[in-house]
Amino acid sequence: MKRLANLRGSIVIASLMAALTISGCATYKPVHNSFYEELKKPYALDSGDRMRITVFGQADLTNTYSVDKSGYIAFPLVGSVIARGHTPKQVEAEIARKLRAGFLRNPDVSVEIAQYRPFFIMGEVGNAGQYTYVPGMTVQNAVAIAGGFSARAQQANSDITRQVNGNVMTGRVPISDPILPGDTVYIRERLF
């Protein structure tokens, strides 16, 4: 009788564990298409990006400038220039327009990314933290930079939190997926 009660108790516990596992999977939603569309868009600048701005023939204006927390760069002669959400080409055109309005007759401006804003990685990796982004980086590259997977890491996929059209979105992706500057990569712990 005692064995039968223990067996029933074990079955109940096993059933509860299975239900919890299945319900955890049931809350997962596939990544929205806009999450991947962000990868196809031209690069939009944001806080933490550093740009090399060259004004040809004007050595005093040519330098490396950072996008501040407000999303602007401080450029000599013209003051603040909005950068957040704009492409390097748009910033280039805006600086040229402002310089043309009273400072230089026909400015020739070039803007290129000197250093991308960092990405963040946390969870089951060797050294979670903030790292320098390199173009073409995947989740797997990010894990390698952060010291590799821990012994308990779920190695098949990860969660990425990304800003998409002004909204913060999180999606579960394979480790071969690309990441973007500013992304937060989370490596989950495996269940077994």
Protein backbone atom coordinates (compact mmCIF):
# COMPACT_ATOMS: atom_id res chain seq x y z
CA MET A 1 0.00 0.00 0.00
CA LYS A 2 2.83 2.34 0.94
CA ARG A 3 4.59 1.55 -2.36
CA LEU A 4 1.42 2.33 -4.31
CA ALA A 5 1.12 5.71 -2.58
CA ASN A 6 4.77 6.50 -3.35
CA LEU A 7 4.24 5.47 -6.99
CA ARG A 8 1.16 7.70 -7.27
CA GLY A 9 3.08 10.59 -5.69
CA SER A 10 5.94 10.11 -8.17
CA ILE A 11 3.50 10.07 -11.09
CA VAL A 12 1.84 13.26 -9.87
CA ILE A 13 5.23 15.01 -9.51
CA ALA A 14 6.36 13.80 -12.96
CA SER A 15 3.08 15.03 -14.47
CA LEU A 16 3.48 18.44 -12.84
CA MET A 17 7.07 18.73 -14.09
CA ALA A 18 5.99 17.84 -17.64
CA ALA A 19 3.13 20.35 -17.50
CA LEU A 20 5.47 23.10 -16.28
CA THR A 21 7.98 22.34 -19.03
CA ILE A 22 5.29 22.35 -21.72
CA SER A 23 3.68 25.53 -20.38
CA GLY A 24 7.09 27.26 -20.42
CA CYS A 25 7.43 26.39 -24.11
CA ALA A 26 3.86 27.51 -24.80
CA THR A 27 4.65 31.09 -23.78
CA TYR A 28 7.39 31.41 -26.41
CA LYS A 29 6.36 33.53 -29.38
CA PRO A 30 8.22 33.56 -32.71
CA VAL A 31 10.28 36.64 -33.57
CA HIS A 32 8.29 39.37 -35.32
CA ASN A 33 9.34 40.14 -38.92
CA SER A 34 10.34 43.70 -37.99
CA PHE A 35 13.04 42.21 -35.74
CA TYR A 36 14.84 40.89 -38.85
CA GLU A 37 13.95 43.86 -41.05
CA GLU A 38 16.15 45.98 -38.79
CA LEU A 39 19.14 44.03 -40.15
CA LYS A 40 18.39 45.17 -43.72
CA LYS A 41 18.06 48.87 -42.97
CA PRO A 42 20.92 51.34 -43.38
CA TYR A 43 22.80 51.79 -40.12
CA ALA A 44 21.20 54.41 -37.85
CA LEU A 45 23.48 56.21 -35.41
CA ASP A 46 22.85 56.33 -31.67
CA SER A 47 24.55 57.21 -28.39
CA GLY A 48 27.98 55.65 -28.07
CA ASP A 49 28.81 55.65 -31.78
CA ARG A 50 32.00 57.44 -32.83
CA MET A 51 32.28 59.02 -36.28
CA ARG A 52 35.26 60.19 -38.28
CA ILE A 53 34.13 63.43 -39.89
CA THR A 54 36.32 64.87 -42.62
CA VAL A 55 35.81 68.34 -44.06
CA PHE A 56 38.18 68.41 -47.03
CA GLY A 57 40.53 71.38 -46.99
CA GLN A 58 39.62 72.16 -43.34
CA ALA A 59 42.06 70.33 -41.07
CA ASP A 60 40.70 72.09 -37.96
CA LEU A 61 37.23 70.60 -38.50
CA THR A 62 38.36 67.07 -39.37
CA ASN A 63 38.25 64.87 -36.28
CA THR A 64 36.51 61.96 -34.52
CA TYR A 65 33.23 62.90 -32.85
CA SER A 66 31.02 60.90 -30.46
CA VAL A 67 27.24 60.80 -30.34
CA ASP A 68 26.28 61.97 -26.85
CA LYS A 69 23.52 60.65 -24.58
CA SER A 70 21.05 63.07 -26.13
CA GLY A 71 21.79 61.78 -29.64
CA TYR A 72 23.75 64.82 -30.86
CA ILE A 73 27.32 65.54 -31.86
CA ALA A 74 29.00 68.85 -31.03
CA PHE A 75 30.59 70.09 -34.25
CA PRO A 76 32.80 73.22 -34.41
CA LEU A 77 31.25 76.37 -35.90
CA VAL A 78 27.75 74.92 -36.30
CA GLY A 79 27.09 73.56 -32.79
CA SER A 80 24.85 70.57 -32.14
CA VAL A 81 23.95 68.26 -35.01
CA ILE A 82 21.36 65.54 -34.48
CA ALA A 83 22.73 62.06 -35.13
CA ARG A 84 20.38 59.62 -33.32
CA GLY A 85 18.25 57.75 -35.82
CA HIS A 86 20.09 59.23 -38.80
CA THR A 87 22.45 57.49 -41.21
CA PRO A 88 26.03 58.72 -41.65
CA LYS A 89 24.99 60.12 -45.08
CA GLN A 90 22.19 62.16 -43.47
CA VAL A 91 24.59 63.56 -40.86
CA GLU A 92 27.05 64.35 -43.64
CA ALA A 93 24.37 66.31 -45.53
CA GLU A 94 23.26 68.17 -42.37
CA ILE A 95 26.80 69.25 -41.48
CA ALA A 96 27.41 70.41 -45.06
CA ARG A 97 24.12 72.37 -45.02
CA LYS A 98 25.00 74.09 -41.73
CA LEU A 99 28.54 74.90 -42.88
CA ARG A 100 27.16 76.32 -46.15
CA ALA A 101 24.90 78.67 -44.14
CA GLY A 102 27.60 81.24 -43.40
CA PHE A 103 30.89 79.43 -42.80
CA LEU A 104 32.14 77.70 -45.99
CA ARG A 105 31.21 78.32 -49.60
CA ASN A 106 31.10 74.72 -50.86
CA PRO A 107 31.97 72.30 -48.04
CA ASP A 108 32.92 68.74 -48.95
CA VAL A 109 32.03 66.60 -45.92
CA SER A 110 32.56 62.89 -45.38
CA VAL A 111 31.22 60.88 -42.40
CA GLU A 112 32.22 57.30 -41.62
CA ILE A 113 31.84 55.11 -38.54
CA ALA A 114 35.06 55.06 -36.51
CA GLN A 115 33.66 52.84 -33.74
CA TYR A 116 30.21 51.32 -33.30
CA ARG A 117 28.37 51.53 -30.00
CA PRO A 118 28.90 48.42 -27.86
CA PHE A 119 26.74 45.35 -27.53
CA PHE A 120 25.98 43.63 -24.21
CA ILE A 121 26.02 39.95 -23.36
CA MET A 122 24.78 38.28 -20.18
CA GLY A 123 23.70 34.95 -18.84
CA GLU A 124 25.59 31.70 -19.22
CA VAL A 125 28.89 32.98 -20.65
CA GLY A 126 32.39 33.17 -19.22
CA ASN A 127 32.57 36.97 -18.85
CA ALA A 128 29.27 38.79 -19.21
CA GLY A 129 29.52 42.50 -19.94
CA GLN A 130 29.84 45.22 -22.57
CA TYR A 131 31.97 44.62 -25.67
CA THR A 132 32.99 46.46 -28.82
CA TYR A 133 30.82 45.61 -31.83
CA VAL A 134 32.44 44.48 -35.08
CA PRO A 135 30.42 44.54 -38.34
CA GLY A 136 29.10 41.12 -39.34
CA MET A 137 29.12 39.79 -35.79
CA THR A 138 26.85 36.85 -34.89
CA VAL A 139 25.62 35.59 -31.52
CA GLN A 140 28.27 32.88 -31.69
CA ASN A 141 31.03 35.51 -32.20
CA ALA A 142 29.66 37.49 -29.26
CA VAL A 143 29.76 34.39 -27.04
CA ALA A 144 33.35 33.71 -28.09
CA ILE A 145 34.37 37.28 -27.20
CA ALA A 146 32.67 36.89 -23.81
CA GLY A 147 34.73 33.83 -22.89
CA GLY A 148 32.57 31.10 -24.39
CA PHE A 149 29.57 29.23 -23.04
CA SER A 150 29.42 28.23 -19.38
CA ALA A 151 28.91 24.54 -18.54
CA ARG A 152 25.16 25.13 -18.02
CA ALA A 153 24.51 27.17 -21.19
CA GLN A 154 21.74 26.51 -23.69
CA GLN A 155 23.94 26.51 -26.81
CA ALA A 156 21.39 26.16 -29.62
CA ASN A 157 19.83 29.62 -29.41
CA SER A 158 19.75 32.85 -27.43
CA ASP A 159 17.53 35.83 -26.70
CA ILE A 160 18.36 39.19 -28.27
CA THR A 161 16.85 42.43 -27.05
CA ARG A 162 16.93 45.13 -29.71
CA GLN A 163 15.42 48.53 -30.35
CA VAL A 164 13.10 48.30 -33.38
CA ASN A 165 11.29 51.41 -34.63
CA GLY A 166 11.58 53.02 -31.20
CA ASN A 167 10.26 49.92 -29.40
CA VAL A 168 12.30 47.44 -27.39
CA MET A 169 11.75 43.89 -28.68
CA THR A 170 13.15 40.55 -27.53
CA GLY A 171 13.38 37.53 -29.79
CA ARG A 172 14.79 34.05 -29.56
CA VAL A 173 17.20 33.35 -32.40
CA PRO A 174 19.73 30.67 -33.42
CA ILE A 175 23.34 31.41 -32.45
CA SER A 176 24.22 31.86 -36.13
CA ASP A 177 22.02 34.99 -36.35
CA PRO A 178 23.67 38.40 -36.68
CA ILE A 179 23.59 40.99 -33.94
CA LEU A 180 23.59 44.79 -34.16
CA PRO A 181 25.33 47.50 -32.14
CA GLY A 182 23.38 48.19 -28.96
CA ASP A 183 21.86 44.68 -28.84
CA THR A 184 21.70 42.78 -25.56
CA VAL A 185 22.38 39.06 -25.97
CA TYR A 186 21.14 36.72 -23.24
CA ILE A 187 22.35 33.11 -23.08
CA ARG A 188 19.87 31.03 -21.13
CA GLU A 189 20.59 28.13 -18.80
CA ARG A 190 19.64 24.72 -20.18
CA LEU A 191 17.07 22.65 -18.29
CA PHE A 192 18.97 19.34 -18.38
